[in-house]
Amino acid sequence: MKQILVFVLFAGILCWAMFAPVYKHVLMVRNAVLQQEVDYLLEMGANGAHGYIDNAAIAASRIRLEQKGFTPSLLQYEVGTTSGVDGANPVRPVRRGVGLQLRISYPYERLFELDRLIGVTPPVAGARMAASGVKMSEYVP
């Protein structure tokens, strides 16, 4: 009986040790891809020709992220500025010197199910990973 218990515990720990790095890498890659997309959108939106991140840029971003394995409907975009004006309005671009802020979030989905099996508490059901950034606008009318 003792040998069976040791085998079951050892098998569980061995499975966790083998698969834990895999899903942790998925988490790191997803977060890195989100941060890369935030940086790209800020670079494009804050340049001298734009001064905003509009719905067309966000739609193109959703398509790019879908190609990398994200579900577009689960992505949440929050565009703002350091001065409080709307950073997504192409009619009134953010002027030079004002920070354009962007935050993209995505749910963890079921990445931490293995942790639950070994007794580690996973993030709450509604938790989301997020990437954010700020870039000063270069737009001059």
N, C-alpha and C. Protein backbone atom coordinates (compact mmCIF):
# COMPACT_ATOMS: atom_id res chain seq x y z
N MET A 1 0.82 -1.19 0.00
CA MET A 1 0.00 0.00 0.00
C MET A 1 0.87 1.25 0.00
N LYS A 2 1.93 1.20 0.77
CA LYS A 2 2.83 2.34 0.86
C LYS A 2 3.52 2.59 -0.49
N GLN A 3 3.85 1.50 -1.18
CA GLN A 3 4.51 1.63 -2.47
C GLN A 3 3.57 2.25 -3.51
N ILE A 4 2.31 1.90 -3.46
CA ILE A 4 1.34 2.46 -4.39
C ILE A 4 1.18 3.97 -4.15
N LEU A 5 1.11 4.34 -2.89
CA LEU A 5 0.99 5.75 -2.55
C LEU A 5 2.21 6.54 -3.01
N VAL A 6 3.39 5.99 -2.80
CA VAL A 6 4.62 6.65 -3.25
C VAL A 6 4.62 6.76 -4.77
N PHE A 7 4.19 5.71 -5.46
CA PHE A 7 4.15 5.75 -6.92
C PHE A 7 3.19 6.82 -7.43
N VAL A 8 2.00 6.90 -6.84
CA VAL A 8 1.01 7.89 -7.26
C VAL A 8 1.53 9.30 -7.02
N LEU A 9 2.10 9.55 -5.86
CA LEU A 9 2.65 10.88 -5.57
C LEU A 9 3.82 11.21 -6.49
N PHE A 10 4.69 10.25 -6.70
CA PHE A 10 5.84 10.48 -7.57
C PHE A 10 5.39 10.73 -9.01
N ALA A 11 4.40 9.98 -9.47
CA ALA A 11 3.89 10.16 -10.84
C ALA A 11 3.27 11.55 -11.00
N GLY A 12 2.52 11.98 -9.99
CA GLY A 12 1.92 13.32 -10.05
C GLY A 12 2.97 14.41 -10.09
N ILE A 13 3.97 14.31 -9.26
CA ILE A 13 5.04 15.31 -9.23
C ILE A 13 5.83 15.27 -10.54
N LEU A 14 6.08 14.09 -11.06
CA LEU A 14 6.81 13.97 -12.33
C LEU A 14 6.03 14.60 -13.48
N CYS A 15 4.72 14.35 -13.53
CA CYS A 15 3.90 14.96 -14.59
C CYS A 15 3.90 16.47 -14.46
N TRP A 16 3.75 16.97 -13.24
CA TRP A 16 3.76 18.42 -13.04
C TRP A 16 5.11 19.01 -13.45
N ALA A 17 6.20 18.36 -13.08
CA ALA A 17 7.53 18.87 -13.41
C ALA A 17 7.77 18.87 -14.92
N MET A 18 7.17 17.91 -15.62
CA MET A 18 7.37 17.84 -17.06
C MET A 18 6.54 18.88 -17.80
N PHE A 19 5.30 19.12 -17.36
CA PHE A 19 4.41 19.99 -18.11
C PHE A 19 4.35 21.42 -17.59
N ALA A 20 4.80 21.66 -16.39
CA ALA A 20 4.75 23.02 -15.82
C ALA A 20 5.50 24.03 -16.68
N PRO A 21 6.72 23.74 -17.11
CA PRO A 21 7.42 24.73 -17.93
C PRO A 21 6.72 25.04 -19.25
N VAL A 22 5.99 24.08 -19.80
CA VAL A 22 5.34 24.28 -21.08
C VAL A 22 4.28 25.38 -20.99
N TYR A 23 3.37 25.27 -20.03
CA TYR A 23 2.31 26.26 -19.97
C TYR A 23 2.82 27.58 -19.41
N LYS A 24 3.88 27.57 -18.63
CA LYS A 24 4.47 28.83 -18.17
C LYS A 24 5.08 29.57 -19.37
N HIS A 25 5.65 28.83 -20.31
CA HIS A 25 6.20 29.46 -21.51
C HIS A 25 5.08 30.03 -22.37
N VAL A 26 3.95 29.35 -22.44
CA VAL A 26 2.81 29.87 -23.19
C VAL A 26 2.38 31.20 -22.59
N LEU A 27 2.34 31.28 -21.27
CA LEU A 27 1.98 32.51 -20.58
C LEU A 27 2.97 33.63 -20.91
N MET A 28 4.26 33.32 -20.84
CA MET A 28 5.28 34.34 -21.13
C MET A 28 5.22 34.80 -22.58
N VAL A 29 5.01 33.88 -23.49
CA VAL A 29 4.95 34.24 -24.91
C VAL A 29 3.71 35.09 -25.18
N ARG A 30 2.57 34.73 -24.62
CA ARG A 30 1.36 35.53 -24.81
C ARG A 30 1.55 36.95 -24.28
N ASN A 31 2.15 37.05 -23.11
CA ASN A 31 2.37 38.37 -22.53
C ASN A 31 3.36 39.18 -23.38
N ALA A 32 4.39 38.53 -23.90
CA ALA A 32 5.36 39.22 -24.75
C ALA A 32 4.73 39.68 -26.06
N VAL A 33 3.86 38.87 -26.63
CA VAL A 33 3.18 39.24 -27.88
C VAL A 33 2.25 40.44 -27.63
N LEU A 34 1.54 40.43 -26.50
CA LEU A 34 0.70 41.57 -26.16
C LEU A 34 1.53 42.84 -26.00
N GLN A 35 2.68 42.74 -25.33
CA GLN A 35 3.52 43.92 -25.13
C GLN A 35 4.09 44.41 -26.46
N GLN A 36 4.45 43.50 -27.33
CA GLN A 36 4.95 43.88 -28.65
C GLN A 36 3.86 44.62 -29.44
N GLU A 37 2.63 44.17 -29.33
CA GLU A 37 1.53 44.82 -30.04
C GLU A 37 1.25 46.21 -29.46
N VAL A 38 1.33 46.33 -28.15
CA VAL A 38 1.16 47.65 -27.52
C VAL A 38 2.23 48.60 -28.02
N ASP A 39 3.48 48.15 -28.03
CA ASP A 39 4.57 49.00 -28.49
C ASP A 39 4.39 49.42 -29.95
N TYR A 40 3.94 48.49 -30.79
CA TYR A 40 3.72 48.78 -32.20
C TYR A 40 2.60 49.82 -32.39
N LEU A 41 1.48 49.59 -31.70
CA LEU A 41 0.36 50.53 -31.82
C LEU A 41 0.73 51.92 -31.30
N LEU A 42 1.48 51.98 -30.21
CA LEU A 42 1.91 53.28 -29.69
C LEU A 42 2.86 53.97 -30.66
N GLU A 43 3.76 53.21 -31.25
CA GLU A 43 4.70 53.78 -32.22
C GLU A 43 3.97 54.35 -33.42
N MET A 44 2.98 53.59 -33.92
CA MET A 44 2.23 54.05 -35.09
C MET A 44 1.26 55.19 -34.72
N GLY A 45 0.62 55.08 -33.57
CA GLY A 45 -0.38 56.07 -33.19
C GLY A 45 0.20 57.39 -32.74
N ALA A 46 1.38 57.38 -32.14
CA ALA A 46 1.96 58.60 -31.60
C ALA A 46 2.89 59.30 -32.59
N ASN A 47 3.00 58.78 -33.80
CA ASN A 47 3.93 59.42 -34.75
C ASN A 47 3.39 60.76 -35.23
N GLY A 48 4.19 61.48 -35.98
CA GLY A 48 3.84 62.82 -36.40
C GLY A 48 2.65 62.91 -37.34
N ALA A 49 2.26 61.81 -37.97
CA ALA A 49 1.15 61.84 -38.91
C ALA A 49 -0.19 61.48 -38.28
N HIS A 50 -0.19 60.90 -37.09
CA HIS A 50 -1.45 60.44 -36.50
C HIS A 50 -1.83 61.18 -35.22
N GLY A 51 -1.24 60.78 -34.09
CA GLY A 51 -1.60 61.38 -32.82
C GLY A 51 -2.81 60.73 -32.18
N TYR A 52 -3.17 59.53 -32.61
CA TYR A 52 -4.33 58.81 -32.07
C TYR A 52 -4.21 57.33 -32.40
N ILE A 53 -4.95 56.51 -31.69
CA ILE A 53 -5.11 55.09 -31.99
C ILE A 53 -6.61 54.88 -32.18
N ASP A 54 -7.04 54.78 -33.43
CA ASP A 54 -8.47 54.70 -33.71
C ASP A 54 -8.96 53.26 -33.83
N ASN A 55 -10.25 53.12 -34.12
CA ASN A 55 -10.85 51.79 -34.22
C ASN A 55 -10.28 50.97 -35.36
N ALA A 56 -9.86 51.62 -36.43
CA ALA A 56 -9.26 50.88 -37.56
C ALA A 56 -7.94 50.24 -37.13
N ALA A 57 -7.13 50.98 -36.37
CA ALA A 57 -5.86 50.43 -35.88
C ALA A 57 -6.11 49.28 -34.92
N ILE A 58 -7.13 49.42 -34.08
CA ILE A 58 -7.47 48.35 -33.14
C ILE A 58 -7.98 47.12 -33.87
N ALA A 59 -8.79 47.32 -34.92
CA ALA A 59 -9.28 46.19 -35.72
C ALA A 59 -8.13 45.45 -36.40
N ALA A 60 -7.17 46.20 -36.93
CA ALA A 60 -6.00 45.58 -37.56
C ALA A 60 -5.18 44.83 -36.50
N SER A 61 -5.10 45.38 -35.30
CA SER A 61 -4.40 44.72 -34.21
C SER A 61 -5.06 43.40 -33.84
N ARG A 62 -6.38 43.41 -33.80
CA ARG A 62 -7.11 42.17 -33.48
C ARG A 62 -6.82 41.09 -34.52
N ILE A 63 -6.72 41.47 -35.78
CA ILE A 63 -6.41 40.51 -36.85
C ILE A 63 -5.01 39.96 -36.67
N ARG A 64 -4.03 40.85 -36.38
CA ARG A 64 -2.65 40.38 -36.16
C ARG A 64 -2.57 39.43 -34.97
N LEU A 65 -3.26 39.76 -33.90
CA LEU A 65 -3.21 38.90 -32.71
C LEU A 65 -3.96 37.59 -32.93
N GLU A 66 -5.00 37.63 -33.75
CA GLU A 66 -5.70 36.38 -34.08
C GLU A 66 -4.77 35.43 -34.83
N GLN A 67 -3.93 35.96 -35.69
CA GLN A 67 -2.97 35.14 -36.42
C GLN A 67 -1.93 34.51 -35.49
N LYS A 68 -1.78 35.07 -34.30
CA LYS A 68 -0.83 34.53 -33.32
C LYS A 68 -1.52 33.68 -32.26
N GLY A 69 -2.81 33.36 -32.45
CA GLY A 69 -3.49 32.43 -31.57
C GLY A 69 -4.43 33.03 -30.55
N PHE A 70 -4.63 34.32 -30.54
CA PHE A 70 -5.55 34.96 -29.60
C PHE A 70 -6.97 34.92 -30.17
N THR A 71 -7.95 34.94 -29.28
CA THR A 71 -9.35 35.05 -29.69
C THR A 71 -9.70 36.53 -29.70
N PRO A 72 -9.99 37.11 -30.89
CA PRO A 72 -10.18 38.56 -30.98
C PRO A 72 -11.27 39.12 -30.07
N SER A 73 -12.34 38.37 -29.87
CA SER A 73 -13.44 38.89 -29.06
C SER A 73 -13.07 38.99 -27.57
N LEU A 74 -12.03 38.30 -27.14
CA LEU A 74 -11.62 38.34 -25.74
C LEU A 74 -10.61 39.45 -25.44
N LEU A 75 -10.08 40.08 -26.49
CA LEU A 75 -9.10 41.16 -26.30
C LEU A 75 -9.82 42.43 -25.88
N GLN A 76 -9.26 43.14 -24.90
CA GLN A 76 -9.81 44.42 -24.48
C GLN A 76 -8.75 45.50 -24.65
N TYR A 77 -9.13 46.58 -25.31
CA TYR A 77 -8.24 47.70 -25.56
C TYR A 77 -8.71 48.92 -24.77
N GLU A 78 -7.79 49.59 -24.12
CA GLU A 78 -8.09 50.83 -23.40
C GLU A 78 -7.11 51.90 -23.87
N VAL A 79 -7.64 52.91 -24.56
CA VAL A 79 -6.82 54.00 -25.07
C VAL A 79 -7.10 55.25 -24.25
N GLY A 80 -6.04 55.93 -23.83
CA GLY A 80 -6.19 57.15 -23.06
C GLY A 80 -5.00 58.07 -23.28
N THR A 81 -5.00 59.15 -22.55
CA THR A 81 -3.89 60.10 -22.62
C THR A 81 -3.53 60.57 -21.22
N THR A 82 -2.36 61.16 -21.09
CA THR A 82 -1.95 61.68 -19.80
C THR A 82 -2.69 62.96 -19.44
N SER A 83 -3.28 63.62 -20.44
CA SER A 83 -4.02 64.86 -20.17
C SER A 83 -5.52 64.62 -19.98
N GLY A 84 -5.99 63.42 -20.25
CA GLY A 84 -7.40 63.11 -20.08
C GLY A 84 -8.25 63.24 -21.34
N VAL A 85 -7.69 63.75 -22.43
CA VAL A 85 -8.46 63.85 -23.68
C VAL A 85 -8.55 62.47 -24.33
N ASP A 86 -9.46 62.33 -25.27
CA ASP A 86 -9.67 61.05 -25.96
C ASP A 86 -8.50 60.77 -26.89
N GLY A 87 -7.84 59.65 -26.70
CA GLY A 87 -6.71 59.28 -27.54
C GLY A 87 -7.09 58.46 -28.74
N ALA A 88 -8.38 58.20 -28.92
CA ALA A 88 -8.84 57.38 -30.05
C ALA A 88 -9.64 58.19 -31.06
N ASN A 89 -9.60 59.49 -30.97
CA ASN A 89 -10.39 60.35 -31.85
C ASN A 89 -9.52 60.89 -32.98
N PRO A 90 -9.73 60.42 -34.22
CA PRO A 90 -8.91 60.91 -35.33
C PRO A 90 -9.22 62.36 -35.72
N VAL A 91 -10.38 62.87 -35.30
CA VAL A 91 -10.74 64.25 -35.61
C VAL A 91 -9.94 65.23 -34.75
N ARG A 92 -9.65 64.84 -33.51
CA ARG A 92 -8.87 65.68 -32.59
C ARG A 92 -7.66 64.89 -32.10
N PRO A 93 -6.60 64.81 -32.92
CA PRO A 93 -5.41 64.05 -32.52
C PRO A 93 -4.75 64.64 -31.28
N VAL A 94 -4.05 63.80 -30.58
CA VAL A 94 -3.31 64.22 -29.39
C VAL A 94 -2.09 65.01 -29.84
N ARG A 95 -1.93 66.19 -29.30
CA ARG A 95 -0.83 67.07 -29.72
C ARG A 95 0.50 66.64 -29.11
N ARG A 96 1.54 67.15 -29.71
CA ARG A 96 2.90 66.84 -29.29
C ARG A 96 3.10 67.17 -27.80
N GLY A 97 3.77 66.25 -27.09
CA GLY A 97 4.07 66.44 -25.69
C GLY A 97 3.08 65.80 -24.74
N VAL A 98 1.95 65.35 -25.25
CA VAL A 98 0.96 64.66 -24.42
C VAL A 98 1.16 63.16 -24.58
N GLY A 99 1.12 62.43 -23.50
CA GLY A 99 1.33 60.99 -23.56
C GLY A 99 0.11 60.23 -24.03
N LEU A 100 0.31 59.35 -24.98
CA LEU A 100 -0.74 58.46 -25.48
C LEU A 100 -0.59 57.14 -24.73
N GLN A 101 -1.64 56.68 -24.07
CA GLN A 101 -1.59 55.47 -23.26
C GLN A 101 -2.41 54.37 -23.92
N LEU A 102 -1.90 53.14 -23.80
CA LEU A 102 -2.62 51.99 -24.34
C LEU A 102 -2.45 50.81 -23.40
N ARG A 103 -3.53 50.08 -23.20
CA ARG A 103 -3.50 48.85 -22.40
C ARG A 103 -4.31 47.80 -23.13
N ILE A 104 -3.70 46.63 -23.36
CA ILE A 104 -4.40 45.50 -23.97
C ILE A 104 -4.41 44.38 -22.94
N SER A 105 -5.59 43.81 -22.71
CA SER A 105 -5.68 42.69 -21.76
C SER A 105 -6.35 41.50 -22.42
N TYR A 106 -6.05 40.32 -21.87
CA TYR A 106 -6.55 39.06 -22.40
C TYR A 106 -6.69 38.08 -21.23
N PRO A 107 -7.74 37.26 -21.20
CA PRO A 107 -7.91 36.34 -20.06
C PRO A 107 -6.85 35.23 -20.07
N TYR A 108 -6.58 34.72 -18.88
CA TYR A 108 -5.63 33.60 -18.76
C TYR A 108 -6.19 32.33 -19.35
N GLU A 109 -7.49 32.29 -19.53
CA GLU A 109 -8.20 31.11 -19.99
C GLU A 109 -7.94 29.97 -19.01
N ARG A 110 -7.54 28.80 -19.46
CA ARG A 110 -7.35 27.66 -18.55
C ARG A 110 -5.88 27.27 -18.44
N LEU A 111 -5.00 28.25 -18.49
CA LEU A 111 -3.57 27.96 -18.45
C LEU A 111 -3.10 27.36 -17.13
N PHE A 112 -3.81 27.60 -16.05
CA PHE A 112 -3.35 27.18 -14.73
C PHE A 112 -4.09 25.97 -14.19
N GLU A 113 -4.70 25.18 -15.05
CA GLU A 113 -5.41 23.99 -14.58
C GLU A 113 -4.47 22.98 -13.95
N LEU A 114 -3.25 22.87 -14.44
CA LEU A 114 -2.29 21.94 -13.84
C LEU A 114 -1.96 22.34 -12.41
N ASP A 115 -1.88 23.62 -12.15
CA ASP A 115 -1.61 24.08 -10.79
C ASP A 115 -2.72 23.66 -9.84
N ARG A 116 -3.94 23.72 -10.30
CA ARG A 116 -5.08 23.33 -9.47
C ARG A 116 -4.96 21.85 -9.07
N LEU A 117 -4.46 21.02 -9.97
CA LEU A 117 -4.34 19.59 -9.69
C LEU A 117 -3.35 19.29 -8.58
N ILE A 118 -2.35 20.13 -8.42
CA ILE A 118 -1.36 19.87 -7.37
C ILE A 118 -1.59 20.71 -6.12
N GLY A 119 -2.69 21.47 -6.12
CA GLY A 119 -3.04 22.20 -4.91
C GLY A 119 -2.62 23.66 -4.88
N VAL A 120 -2.03 24.18 -5.95
CA VAL A 120 -1.67 25.59 -6.01
C VAL A 120 -2.90 26.38 -6.48
N THR A 121 -3.18 27.46 -5.82
CA THR A 121 -4.36 28.26 -6.17
C THR A 121 -4.11 29.05 -7.45
N PRO A 122 -4.91 28.80 -8.49
CA PRO A 122 -4.75 29.55 -9.75
C PRO A 122 -5.37 30.94 -9.62
N PRO A 123 -5.13 31.81 -10.59
CA PRO A 123 -5.78 33.14 -10.57
C PRO A 123 -7.30 32.99 -10.60
N VAL A 124 -7.99 34.00 -10.12
CA VAL A 124 -9.45 33.96 -10.13
C VAL A 124 -9.96 33.88 -11.57
N ALA A 125 -11.20 33.45 -11.72
CA ALA A 125 -11.77 33.17 -13.04
C ALA A 125 -11.73 34.37 -13.99
N GLY A 126 -11.94 35.57 -13.51
CA GLY A 126 -11.99 36.74 -14.38
C GLY A 126 -10.65 37.44 -14.56
N ALA A 127 -9.58 36.87 -14.04
CA ALA A 127 -8.27 37.53 -14.11
C ALA A 127 -7.78 37.60 -15.56
N ARG A 128 -7.05 38.67 -15.85
CA ARG A 128 -6.55 38.89 -17.20
C ARG A 128 -5.08 39.29 -17.16
N MET A 129 -4.33 38.80 -18.14
CA MET A 129 -2.96 39.29 -18.32
C MET A 129 -3.06 40.58 -19.12
N ALA A 130 -2.13 41.48 -18.92
CA ALA A 130 -2.22 42.76 -19.62
C ALA A 130 -0.84 43.28 -19.97
N ALA A 131 -0.81 44.08 -21.01
CA ALA A 131 0.40 44.79 -21.41
C ALA A 131 -0.01 46.25 -21.62
N SER A 132 0.85 47.16 -21.20
CA SER A 132 0.50 48.57 -21.33
C SER A 132 1.73 49.39 -21.65
N GLY A 133 1.48 50.61 -22.08
CA GLY A 133 2.59 51.49 -22.40
C GLY A 133 2.11 52.92 -22.59
N VAL A 134 3.07 53.83 -22.57
CA VAL A 134 2.82 55.26 -22.79
C VAL A 134 3.89 55.78 -23.74
N LYS A 135 3.47 56.59 -24.69
CA LYS A 135 4.42 57.21 -25.62
C LYS A 135 3.96 58.64 -25.87
N MET A 136 4.91 59.54 -25.85
CA MET A 136 4.57 60.95 -26.11
C MET A 136 4.21 61.13 -27.58
N SER A 137 3.13 61.83 -27.81
CA SER A 137 2.68 62.09 -29.15
C SER A 137 3.66 63.04 -29.86
N GLU A 138 3.86 62.82 -31.13
CA GLU A 138 4.71 63.67 -31.95
C GLU A 138 3.91 64.47 -32.96
N TYR A 139 2.58 64.40 -32.84
CA TYR A 139 1.71 65.04 -33.82
C TYR A 139 1.75 66.57 -33.66
N VAL A 140 2.02 67.25 -34.78
CA VAL A 140 1.99 68.72 -34.82
C VAL A 140 1.06 69.09 -35.97
N PRO A 141 -0.02 69.85 -35.69
CA PRO A 141 -0.97 70.20 -36.76
C PRO A 141 -0.34 71.08 -37.82
